[in-house]
Amino acid sequence: MLLERFEDRGLAHYSYAVACPAAGKMAVIDPRRDVDIYLEFARDRNLEIVYVLETHIHADYASGAWELAHRSGAELWLSAYDTGEIYEVTFPHHELGEGDELVIGSLRIQPLHTPGHTPEHLSFLLYDTTRSAEIPLLMFSGDFLFVGSLGRPDLLGEEAKHELAVQLYTSVREKLEGLPDGLEIYPAHGAGSMCGAGMSSRPTSTLGFERMTNPYLQKDLSCEAFVEKILSTVPPFPPYYRRMKELNAQGPALLNGLPGREALEVSRFRQLVEDGHTVIDLRDQLSFGAGHIPGALGIGAGTDLSTWAAWVVPYDTPLLLVSPDVTTVEAAVRALVRVGLDQIAGYLDGGIESWIRAGYSLQATPQISPPDLYRRLQQGEAICVLDVRSDAEWHSGHIPGALHIMGGELMHRLSEIPAGSTPLAVVCASGYRSTVAVSVLERAGVHPLLHVTGGMNAWRQAGLPLSYE
C-alpha cells in the first residue's frame, strides 16, 4: 500500500492519495482545486487514478474533485445522502453509501455515513487485505473526526445547527462503536482550520487515543451536554463558506490549467483597472503602505493569502495581481483558485516600479510605530485605535480604549467605524491582517487611516500598557 498526504498550510487542509502499486491504481480523497499535484504524483509512480472521492460538500475551499475526475478520467464517487438537502451535488457523479465498497487491488474502501458536520458527510474505512480483510487499517475522517476535535455543526445556519449537533453526537456514539482502538485517523484539516475548534497540530491520530483525550468522545458526555459544548466553541463563521458550499454543490468551473499567469503591460493593466478589475497587491506591509495602486487590496503573498482573499476579495469582478517578483505569481494563483477566485486576468509586468515609471498615481498609507502611537495617545490626540485580531487575541491583551472588529467582518460592520475626521489607527498582531483591513477600509472610503507597523507584537516588545477589559 502507498499512502501520501498533501498539505495546504494556508487552509490547513489535508488531501490524500492511496494506491496499490501492484495493481498500478490509485484513489484521491478530498482533492484541492489545483489538481496537477495528484496527476504528477500518479505519473511519477506509474499509477492510474481510478477513483476520486469526497467526504462531503466542503465549505472552506473550492473542491478539485470534478476537475481531477475530468482530467484523469477517474470515476467520481460522492455521498448518496445529499438528496433533498439544502446543498445537493448537481454535476455528474456516482453515488456512494453504506454497504458499497470500492476495490483497488488489495485495498478495499468502505464508506460510513457520519452526518453532523454536514448531513451527507461520509468517512472512509480503508482495509489492506494483505494484512487483514476484517479489520480496517485507517479512516479518512474528513471533517467528522479531527485530531482533538470534531467538525462544527453550524454550517447550515441557526435553524439546522441543533439537529446537526445531535446527528454528530449519534455519529460519534454509533458509527465509531466497534471500530478498533488501533484505527489510524486521517482528517481533512488540522490546526488553523475554522471547520472545527481546538484541533491539534498533529496531522494524524488513532481512534484509541482520541477516545481517551478528545473532549467530544468522552463516554460520560450526554447528548444535551455534547450539543451545548460543541455549539459554544464554534469558531467565527466566514460568510464565504456559503459561497463555497454553493460552488462545490454546483461544481466549480473546469480550469484545465492555472489562470492568471500572463504578464500585462502597464498601460493594458491600467485600462483593466479602470474597467473595474480588482487589484490584489501581494507585497509586504511596508511596501504596500509606501505606495500602491488606488483601490488595491493589500493581501501579502504567503500561507495566509487563501484565507484572507476568501474573506475580502469580491467574487463578481476579474482580478489583477501586483507581485514583488514573478516567482510569487504562480503560488498566489494557486492560493486564489483554491477558494474559487478563478477570474485572474494576469499580473503587472515589471511590478509596481513599472506603474511608477509610467507616471500613474499611487495611494500611500501613513505608518505609525507603537511607541509613536502611544505617545500621541498620551498627549491627548484624538486617534481611534481599531484592533482587527480574533476574539481570543483581543482578550489576551489590547491597547486601552481600542475598538475591536475582527478583520474579516469589517465589510459587514462598517457602520461601527466612527465617522468624521478622527484618524483611525489599525492594528493586528504583526501587520499582515491590519494591512488587509486598511486596504478594505480605503476601498470603502474610510479616512484618515494610520497603519500600526509591527502590530501588537511590537507594542508588547516596547513594554507598552495593555488592557484586558
Protein backbone atom coordinates (compact mmCIF):
# COMPACT_ATOMS: atom_id res chain seq x y z
CA MET A 1 0.00 0.00 0.00
CA LEU A 2 1.10 3.54 -0.76
CA LEU A 3 -0.36 6.44 1.20
CA GLU A 4 0.51 10.11 0.67
CA ARG A 5 -0.83 13.19 2.46
CA PHE A 6 -0.86 16.56 0.64
CA GLU A 7 -0.99 19.63 2.88
CA ASP A 8 -2.19 23.13 2.06
CA ARG A 9 -0.82 25.07 5.02
CA GLY A 10 -2.83 28.20 4.30
CA LEU A 11 -6.19 26.43 4.59
CA ALA A 12 -4.86 23.78 6.99
CA HIS A 13 -6.26 21.25 4.52
CA TYR A 14 -5.17 17.65 4.02
CA SER A 15 -5.94 15.58 0.95
CA TYR A 16 -4.78 12.02 0.34
CA ALA A 17 -3.67 9.59 -2.32
CA VAL A 18 -3.90 5.89 -1.56
CA ALA A 19 -2.67 3.29 -4.02
CA CYS A 20 -2.00 -0.38 -4.59
CA PRO A 21 1.32 -0.28 -6.51
CA ALA A 22 0.99 -3.94 -7.53
CA ALA A 23 -2.28 -3.12 -9.29
CA GLY A 24 -0.99 0.22 -10.58
CA LYS A 25 -4.14 2.01 -9.38
CA MET A 26 -4.80 4.94 -7.07
CA ALA A 27 -7.62 6.89 -5.39
CA VAL A 28 -7.59 10.52 -4.28
CA ILE A 29 -9.64 11.77 -1.32
CA ASP A 30 -10.77 15.40 -0.89
CA PRO A 31 -8.51 16.95 -3.57
CA ARG A 32 -7.75 20.65 -3.71
CA ARG A 33 -8.54 22.77 -6.77
CA ASP A 34 -5.12 22.87 -8.45
CA VAL A 35 -5.01 19.17 -9.21
CA ASP A 36 -1.74 18.89 -11.12
CA ILE A 37 -0.04 17.74 -7.92
CA TYR A 38 -2.08 14.50 -7.96
CA LEU A 39 -1.62 13.96 -11.69
CA GLU A 40 2.15 14.36 -11.34
CA PHE A 41 2.26 12.09 -8.29
CA ALA A 42 0.45 9.35 -10.21
CA ARG A 43 2.53 9.80 -13.36
CA ASP A 44 5.85 9.70 -11.49
CA ARG A 45 4.86 6.35 -9.93
CA ASN A 46 3.23 4.80 -12.99
CA LEU A 47 -0.17 4.79 -11.29
CA GLU A 48 -3.62 5.27 -12.78
CA ILE A 49 -6.08 7.41 -10.83
CA VAL A 50 -9.23 5.30 -10.92
CA TYR A 51 -11.34 6.87 -8.16
CA VAL A 52 -11.83 10.41 -6.85
CA LEU A 53 -13.70 10.55 -3.54
CA GLU A 54 -15.10 13.35 -1.39
CA THR A 55 -16.11 13.11 2.24
CA HIS A 56 -18.67 15.94 1.92
CA ILE A 57 -19.61 19.20 0.22
CA HIS A 58 -16.85 21.45 1.52
CA ALA A 59 -17.37 24.95 2.87
CA ASP A 60 -13.86 26.30 3.30
CA TYR A 61 -12.26 25.66 -0.08
CA ALA A 62 -13.13 25.01 -3.71
CA SER A 63 -13.08 21.29 -4.38
CA GLY A 64 -10.84 19.80 -7.04
CA ALA A 65 -12.82 16.56 -7.31
CA TRP A 66 -14.72 17.47 -10.50
CA GLU A 67 -11.55 18.88 -12.07
CA LEU A 68 -9.42 15.84 -11.18
CA ALA A 69 -12.01 13.35 -12.41
CA HIS A 70 -12.31 15.27 -15.68
CA ARG A 71 -8.56 15.48 -16.28
CA SER A 72 -7.64 11.96 -15.15
CA GLY A 73 -10.64 10.03 -16.47
CA ALA A 74 -11.25 8.62 -12.98
CA GLU A 75 -14.68 7.74 -11.61
CA LEU A 76 -16.06 10.40 -9.26
CA TRP A 77 -17.80 8.96 -6.20
CA LEU A 78 -19.73 11.25 -3.86
CA SER A 79 -22.15 10.84 -0.98
CA ALA A 80 -25.56 9.35 -1.72
CA TYR A 81 -27.02 11.20 1.27
CA ASP A 82 -27.33 14.73 -0.14
CA THR A 83 -30.73 14.16 -1.79
CA GLY A 84 -33.23 16.77 -0.66
CA GLU A 85 -30.70 18.66 1.46
CA ILE A 86 -30.01 22.41 1.27
CA TYR A 87 -26.84 21.68 -0.69
CA GLU A 88 -27.12 18.89 -3.24
CA VAL A 89 -24.49 17.98 -5.85
CA THR A 90 -25.80 18.72 -9.35
CA PHE A 91 -22.92 17.63 -11.60
CA PRO A 92 -22.42 14.03 -12.86
CA HIS A 93 -21.04 11.53 -10.35
CA HIS A 94 -21.52 8.05 -8.88
CA GLU A 95 -23.35 7.79 -5.56
CA LEU A 96 -21.70 6.06 -2.62
CA GLY A 97 -23.41 4.88 0.54
CA GLU A 98 -23.04 2.42 3.39
CA GLY A 99 -22.93 -1.13 2.09
CA ASP A 100 -20.99 -0.12 -1.02
CA GLU A 101 -17.28 -0.64 -1.44
CA LEU A 102 -14.54 0.27 -3.87
CA VAL A 103 -11.62 -2.05 -4.60
CA ILE A 104 -8.11 -1.04 -5.64
CA GLY A 105 -6.06 -4.21 -5.94
CA SER A 106 -5.51 -5.45 -2.39
CA LEU A 107 -7.20 -2.38 -0.90
CA ARG A 108 -10.88 -2.03 -0.07
CA ILE A 109 -12.63 1.26 0.74
CA GLN A 110 -15.92 1.23 2.65
CA PRO A 111 -17.96 4.38 3.35
CA LEU A 112 -19.58 5.21 6.67
CA HIS A 113 -22.35 7.80 6.80
CA THR A 114 -21.19 10.15 9.57
CA PRO A 115 -23.56 13.16 9.50
CA GLY A 116 -23.29 16.12 11.84
CA HIS A 117 -20.76 18.45 10.28
CA THR A 118 -22.93 18.18 7.18
CA PRO A 119 -25.96 15.94 6.52
CA GLU A 120 -24.28 13.99 3.69
CA HIS A 121 -20.87 13.51 5.31
CA LEU A 122 -19.03 10.24 4.65
CA SER A 123 -15.96 8.80 6.31
CA PHE A 124 -13.96 6.11 4.51
CA LEU A 125 -12.61 2.94 6.13
CA LEU A 126 -9.59 1.51 4.34
CA TYR A 127 -8.80 -2.21 4.52
CA ASP A 128 -5.42 -3.55 3.45
CA THR A 129 -6.35 -7.15 2.74
CA THR A 130 -2.70 -8.25 2.65
CA ARG A 131 -2.80 -7.63 6.40
CA SER A 132 -6.46 -8.16 7.35
CA ALA A 133 -9.68 -8.40 5.37
CA GLU A 134 -11.81 -7.91 8.52
CA ILE A 135 -10.03 -5.17 10.49
CA PRO A 136 -9.80 -1.68 8.94
CA LEU A 137 -6.35 -0.14 8.90
CA LEU A 138 -7.35 3.51 8.83
CA MET A 139 -10.17 6.01 8.41
CA PHE A 140 -10.25 9.05 6.18
CA SER A 141 -12.47 11.00 8.55
CA GLY A 142 -12.93 14.22 6.56
CA ASP A 143 -14.48 16.92 8.75
CA PHE A 144 -16.19 14.42 11.05
CA LEU A 145 -13.36 13.48 13.41
CA PHE A 146 -10.33 15.72 13.79
CA VAL A 147 -7.28 15.20 15.96
CA GLY A 148 -8.55 16.58 19.26
CA SER A 149 -11.90 17.83 17.99
CA LEU A 150 -14.94 17.30 15.75
CA GLY A 151 -16.35 19.21 12.79
CA ARG A 152 -18.52 22.22 13.51
CA PRO A 153 -22.27 21.54 13.09
CA ASP A 154 -23.45 25.08 12.32
CA LEU A 155 -22.68 25.39 8.60
CA LEU A 156 -26.35 25.31 7.55
CA GLY A 157 -27.42 28.14 9.82
CA GLU A 158 -29.18 28.68 13.12
CA GLU A 159 -32.26 26.59 12.36
CA ALA A 160 -30.31 23.46 11.44
CA LYS A 161 -27.35 23.57 13.82
CA HIS A 162 -29.05 21.92 16.82
CA GLU A 163 -30.27 18.95 14.77
CA LEU A 164 -26.86 18.58 13.13
CA ALA A 165 -25.19 18.65 16.55
CA VAL A 166 -27.48 15.81 17.65
CA GLN A 167 -26.60 13.91 14.46
CA LEU A 168 -22.92 14.46 15.22
CA TYR A 169 -23.39 13.02 18.70
CA THR A 170 -25.14 9.99 17.20
CA SER A 171 -22.35 9.52 14.65
CA VAL A 172 -19.77 9.54 17.43
CA ARG A 173 -21.72 7.08 19.57
CA GLU A 174 -22.92 4.69 16.86
CA LYS A 175 -20.52 4.85 13.89
CA LEU A 176 -17.33 4.66 15.93
CA GLU A 177 -18.65 1.89 18.14
CA GLY A 178 -16.91 -1.40 17.44
CA LEU A 179 -14.04 0.12 15.49
CA PRO A 180 -10.61 -0.84 16.86
CA ASP A 181 -8.52 1.45 19.05
CA GLY A 182 -5.61 0.98 16.66
CA LEU A 183 -7.55 2.51 13.75
CA GLU A 184 -5.47 5.33 12.28
CA ILE A 185 -7.33 8.62 11.80
CA TYR A 186 -6.57 10.82 8.78
CA PRO A 187 -8.71 14.00 8.89
CA ALA A 188 -9.22 16.63 6.19
CA HIS A 189 -7.96 19.50 8.36
CA GLY A 190 -5.50 20.38 11.09
CA ALA A 191 -4.82 23.28 13.45
CA GLY A 192 -5.67 26.63 11.89
CA SER A 193 -8.80 25.50 10.09
CA MET A 194 -12.12 27.08 11.09
CA CYS A 195 -14.01 23.86 10.32
CA GLY A 196 -13.75 22.95 13.99
CA ALA A 197 -12.43 24.29 17.29
CA GLY A 198 -9.38 23.17 19.21
CA MET A 199 -7.74 20.95 16.61
CA SER A 200 -4.31 19.57 17.37
CA SER A 201 -1.30 20.45 15.23
CA ARG A 202 -0.61 16.71 14.84
CA PRO A 203 -1.84 15.56 11.42
CA THR A 204 -2.90 12.04 12.44
CA SER A 205 -4.03 10.11 15.48
CA THR A 206 -5.54 6.77 16.45
CA LEU A 207 -9.13 6.16 17.46
CA GLY A 208 -7.95 4.81 20.82
CA PHE A 209 -6.02 7.97 21.61
CA GLU A 210 -8.99 10.12 20.58
CA ARG A 211 -11.28 8.06 22.80
CA MET A 212 -9.01 8.85 25.74
CA THR A 213 -8.25 12.52 25.02
CA ASN A 214 -10.77 14.07 22.61
CA PRO A 215 -13.21 16.10 24.75
CA TYR A 216 -16.14 15.22 22.48
CA LEU A 217 -15.60 11.45 22.60
CA GLN A 218 -15.91 11.04 26.36
CA LYS A 219 -18.45 8.36 27.33
CA ASP A 220 -19.91 10.32 30.23
CA LEU A 221 -20.96 13.18 27.94
CA SER A 222 -24.74 13.24 27.50
CA CYS A 223 -26.32 14.32 24.24
CA GLU A 224 -27.55 17.56 25.82
CA ALA A 225 -24.12 18.35 27.27
CA PHE A 226 -22.44 17.44 23.98
CA VAL A 227 -24.68 19.77 21.97
CA GLU A 228 -24.14 22.64 24.38
CA LYS A 229 -20.39 22.07 24.44
CA ILE A 230 -19.80 21.90 20.71
CA LEU A 231 -22.10 24.80 19.83
CA SER A 232 -20.43 27.01 22.43
CA THR A 233 -16.98 26.52 20.90
CA VAL A 234 -17.56 27.01 17.17
CA PRO A 235 -15.15 29.48 15.53
CA PRO A 236 -16.32 32.63 13.68
CA PHE A 237 -18.47 31.88 10.63
CA PRO A 238 -16.85 33.25 7.46
CA PRO A 239 -19.53 34.49 5.02
CA TYR A 240 -17.61 32.97 2.11
CA TYR A 241 -18.41 29.49 3.48
CA ARG A 242 -21.89 29.80 1.95
CA ARG A 243 -20.38 30.69 -1.43
CA MET A 244 -18.05 27.69 -1.24
CA LYS A 245 -20.93 25.35 -0.40
CA GLU A 246 -22.91 26.63 -3.39
CA LEU A 247 -19.85 26.44 -5.66
CA ASN A 248 -18.99 22.89 -4.63
CA ALA A 249 -22.58 21.71 -4.97
CA GLN A 250 -22.85 23.15 -8.49
CA GLY A 251 -19.34 22.09 -9.46
CA PRO A 252 -16.51 24.61 -9.83
CA ALA A 253 -15.71 25.61 -13.40
CA LEU A 254 -13.10 23.42 -15.06
CA LEU A 255 -9.72 25.16 -15.09
CA ASN A 256 -7.70 22.84 -17.34
CA GLY A 257 -4.59 24.56 -16.03
CA LEU A 258 -3.88 27.63 -13.94
CA PRO A 259 -5.25 31.06 -14.98
CA GLY A 260 -3.68 34.45 -14.46
CA ARG A 261 -0.04 33.86 -15.37
CA GLU A 262 0.01 36.41 -18.19
CA ALA A 263 2.31 39.41 -17.77
CA LEU A 264 0.27 42.52 -18.61
CA GLU A 265 1.95 45.63 -19.99
CA VAL A 266 1.37 48.60 -17.70
CA SER A 267 -0.99 50.56 -19.98
CA ARG A 268 -3.13 47.47 -20.52
CA PHE A 269 -3.10 46.80 -16.77
CA ARG A 270 -4.22 50.37 -16.06
CA GLN A 271 -7.05 50.05 -18.58
CA LEU A 272 -8.31 46.91 -16.87
CA VAL A 273 -8.19 48.71 -13.52
CA GLU A 274 -10.31 51.49 -14.98
CA ASP A 275 -12.68 48.87 -16.41
CA GLY A 276 -13.40 47.62 -12.87
CA HIS A 277 -10.92 44.81 -12.27
CA THR A 278 -9.93 44.35 -8.62
CA VAL A 279 -6.22 44.63 -7.84
CA ILE A 280 -4.61 42.34 -5.25
CA ASP A 281 -1.24 43.66 -4.11
CA LEU A 282 0.90 40.77 -2.88
CA ARG A 283 3.71 42.86 -1.40
CA ASP A 284 4.58 43.23 2.30
CA GLN A 285 3.01 45.76 4.66
CA LEU A 286 5.74 48.41 4.36
CA SER A 287 5.91 48.24 0.58
CA PHE A 288 2.13 48.45 0.31
CA GLY A 289 1.96 51.35 2.75
CA ALA A 290 4.67 53.29 0.90
CA GLY A 291 2.58 53.36 -2.27
CA HIS A 292 0.03 51.19 -4.04
CA ILE A 293 -2.47 51.40 -6.88
CA PRO A 294 -5.54 53.25 -5.57
CA GLY A 295 -8.23 50.81 -4.52
CA ALA A 296 -5.89 47.81 -4.36
CA LEU A 297 -6.39 45.15 -1.70
CA GLY A 298 -3.20 44.60 0.27
CA ILE A 299 -3.05 40.85 0.86
CA GLY A 300 0.54 39.73 1.19
CA ALA A 301 1.77 36.58 -0.52
CA GLY A 302 2.24 33.51 1.67
CA THR A 303 0.28 30.94 3.60
CA ASP A 304 -2.50 33.35 4.68
CA LEU A 305 -3.39 34.53 1.18
CA SER A 306 -6.17 31.98 0.55
CA THR A 307 -7.95 32.69 3.81
CA TRP A 308 -7.87 36.48 3.63
CA ALA A 309 -8.64 36.62 -0.07
CA ALA A 310 -11.72 34.48 0.61
CA TRP A 311 -12.81 36.89 3.35
CA VAL A 312 -12.41 40.20 1.47
CA VAL A 313 -11.96 39.81 -2.31
CA PRO A 314 -15.18 40.30 -4.34
CA TYR A 315 -16.18 37.23 -6.33
CA ASP A 316 -18.01 39.15 -9.03
CA THR A 317 -15.08 41.04 -10.62
CA PRO A 318 -11.99 39.87 -12.54
CA LEU A 319 -8.69 40.10 -10.65
CA LEU A 320 -5.28 41.59 -11.31
CA LEU A 321 -2.10 40.89 -9.34
CA VAL A 322 0.76 43.14 -8.30
CA SER A 323 3.61 40.91 -7.22
CA PRO A 324 7.03 41.60 -5.67
CA ASP A 325 8.51 39.18 -8.23
CA VAL A 326 7.41 36.81 -10.99
CA THR A 327 8.06 33.67 -8.94
CA THR A 328 5.39 34.73 -6.43
CA VAL A 329 2.66 34.82 -9.06
CA GLU A 330 2.09 31.08 -9.50
CA ALA A 331 1.86 30.40 -5.75
CA ALA A 332 -0.60 33.29 -5.45
CA VAL A 333 -2.75 32.00 -8.32
CA ARG A 334 -2.87 28.57 -6.69
CA ALA A 335 -3.92 30.13 -3.39
CA LEU A 336 -6.71 32.08 -5.09
CA VAL A 337 -8.20 29.26 -7.16
CA ARG A 338 -8.30 27.09 -4.03
CA VAL A 339 -11.03 29.41 -2.72
CA GLY A 340 -12.83 29.78 -6.04
CA LEU A 341 -11.24 33.05 -7.16
CA ASP A 342 -10.62 31.98 -10.76
CA GLN A 343 -11.09 35.18 -12.76
CA ILE A 344 -7.43 36.20 -12.69
CA ALA A 345 -6.60 38.21 -15.80
CA GLY A 346 -2.85 38.44 -15.15
CA TYR A 347 -0.15 40.34 -13.30
CA LEU A 348 1.56 43.70 -13.74
CA ASP A 349 4.65 43.25 -15.89
CA GLY A 350 7.59 44.87 -14.13
CA GLY A 351 5.72 45.18 -10.83
CA ILE A 352 4.82 48.43 -9.11
CA GLU A 353 8.01 50.02 -10.48
CA SER A 354 6.57 49.94 -13.99
CA TRP A 355 3.43 51.71 -12.72
CA ILE A 356 5.60 54.38 -11.09
CA ARG A 357 7.77 54.83 -14.21
CA ALA A 358 4.62 55.32 -16.28
CA GLY A 359 3.68 58.22 -14.02
CA TYR A 360 0.40 56.75 -12.80
CA SER A 361 -0.98 57.80 -9.42
CA LEU A 362 -0.23 55.99 -6.16
CA GLN A 363 -2.02 55.89 -2.84
CA ALA A 364 0.04 55.74 0.36
CA THR A 365 -0.98 54.68 3.85
CA PRO A 366 0.78 56.58 6.66
CA GLN A 367 2.60 54.26 9.06
CA ILE A 368 2.92 54.74 12.80
CA SER A 369 5.09 52.80 15.23
CA PRO A 370 3.63 51.58 18.55
CA PRO A 371 5.78 53.98 20.63
CA ASP A 372 4.69 56.92 18.49
CA LEU A 373 1.05 55.87 18.70
CA TYR A 374 1.31 55.55 22.49
CA ARG A 375 2.99 58.96 22.79
CA ARG A 376 0.31 60.67 20.72
CA LEU A 377 -2.48 58.96 22.67
CA GLN A 378 -0.86 60.04 25.96
CA GLN A 379 -0.70 63.60 24.69
CA GLY A 380 -4.46 63.50 24.27
CA GLU A 381 -4.51 63.41 20.49
CA ALA A 382 -7.82 62.19 19.09
CA ILE A 383 -6.92 58.86 17.49
CA CYS A 384 -9.27 55.87 17.36
CA VAL A 385 -7.47 52.51 17.52
CA LEU A 386 -9.09 49.63 15.63
CA ASP A 387 -7.89 46.13 16.58
CA VAL A 388 -8.70 43.57 13.85
CA ARG A 389 -7.43 40.43 15.60
CA SER A 390 -9.51 37.45 16.71
CA ASP A 391 -11.59 37.42 19.89
CA ALA A 392 -9.04 35.22 21.66
CA GLU A 393 -6.18 37.56 20.75
CA TRP A 394 -8.21 40.58 21.87
CA HIS A 395 -8.88 39.02 25.27
CA SER A 396 -5.18 38.21 25.68
CA GLY A 397 -4.45 41.94 25.86
CA HIS A 398 -5.17 45.00 23.73
CA ILE A 399 -4.45 48.72 23.53
CA PRO A 400 -6.52 50.56 26.17
CA GLY A 401 -9.57 52.20 24.63
CA ALA A 402 -9.31 50.33 21.32
CA LEU A 403 -12.30 49.29 19.21
CA HIS A 404 -12.40 45.60 18.26
CA ILE A 405 -13.74 44.26 14.94
CA MET A 406 -12.28 41.04 13.56
CA GLY A 407 -10.73 41.90 10.17
CA GLY A 408 -12.80 39.50 8.11
CA GLU A 409 -16.02 41.09 9.40
CA LEU A 410 -15.12 44.69 8.55
CA MET A 411 -17.17 44.97 5.36
CA HIS A 412 -20.30 43.90 7.26
CA ARG A 413 -19.64 46.18 10.24
CA LEU A 414 -18.59 49.45 8.63
CA SER A 415 -21.39 51.25 10.47
CA GLU A 416 -19.46 50.67 13.71
CA ILE A 417 -16.46 52.64 12.44
CA PRO A 418 -16.50 56.19 13.90
CA ALA A 419 -17.34 58.78 11.25
CA GLY A 420 -15.58 62.10 10.93
CA SER A 421 -12.02 63.34 10.66
CA THR A 422 -10.51 61.42 13.60
CA PRO A 423 -7.58 59.27 12.40
CA LEU A 424 -8.18 55.52 12.61
CA ALA A 425 -5.07 53.54 13.61
CA VAL A 426 -5.43 49.92 12.54
CA VAL A 427 -3.54 47.17 14.38
CA CYS A 428 -3.27 43.37 14.35
CA ALA A 429 -0.60 41.05 15.75
CA SER A 430 2.22 41.70 13.28
CA GLY A 431 0.89 43.93 10.49
CA TYR A 432 -0.35 41.41 7.91
CA ARG A 433 -4.06 41.46 8.75
CA SER A 434 -4.07 45.18 9.52
CA THR A 435 -2.70 45.79 6.02
CA VAL A 436 -5.63 43.80 4.63
CA ALA A 437 -8.00 45.77 6.85
CA VAL A 438 -6.54 49.15 5.87
CA SER A 439 -6.99 48.33 2.20
CA VAL A 440 -10.60 47.25 2.78
CA LEU A 441 -11.29 50.49 4.65
CA GLU A 442 -9.62 52.58 1.93
CA ARG A 443 -11.84 50.96 -0.71
CA ALA A 444 -14.87 51.75 1.47
CA GLY A 445 -13.88 55.42 1.63
CA VAL A 446 -12.86 55.45 5.29
CA HIS A 447 -10.17 58.06 6.07
CA PRO A 448 -7.85 59.25 7.50
CA LEU A 449 -6.09 55.97 8.26
CA LEU A 450 -2.88 55.03 10.04
CA HIS A 451 -1.24 51.61 9.92
CA VAL A 452 0.45 50.38 13.10
CA THR A 453 3.66 48.75 11.90
CA GLY A 454 4.68 45.60 13.74
CA GLY A 455 1.28 45.38 15.42
CA MET A 456 0.68 44.17 18.95
CA ASN A 457 3.86 42.11 18.89
CA ALA A 458 5.85 45.35 18.60
CA TRP A 459 3.58 47.03 21.18
CA ARG A 460 4.35 44.27 23.71
CA GLN A 461 8.06 44.30 22.91
CA ALA A 462 8.11 48.03 23.63
CA GLY A 463 6.62 47.31 27.08
CA LEU A 464 3.56 49.45 26.47
CA PRO A 465 0.43 49.04 28.63
CA LEU A 466 -2.31 46.54 27.88
CA SER A 467 -5.97 46.33 28.79
CA TYR A 468 -7.86 43.08 29.39
CA GLU A 469 -11.36 44.51 29.76
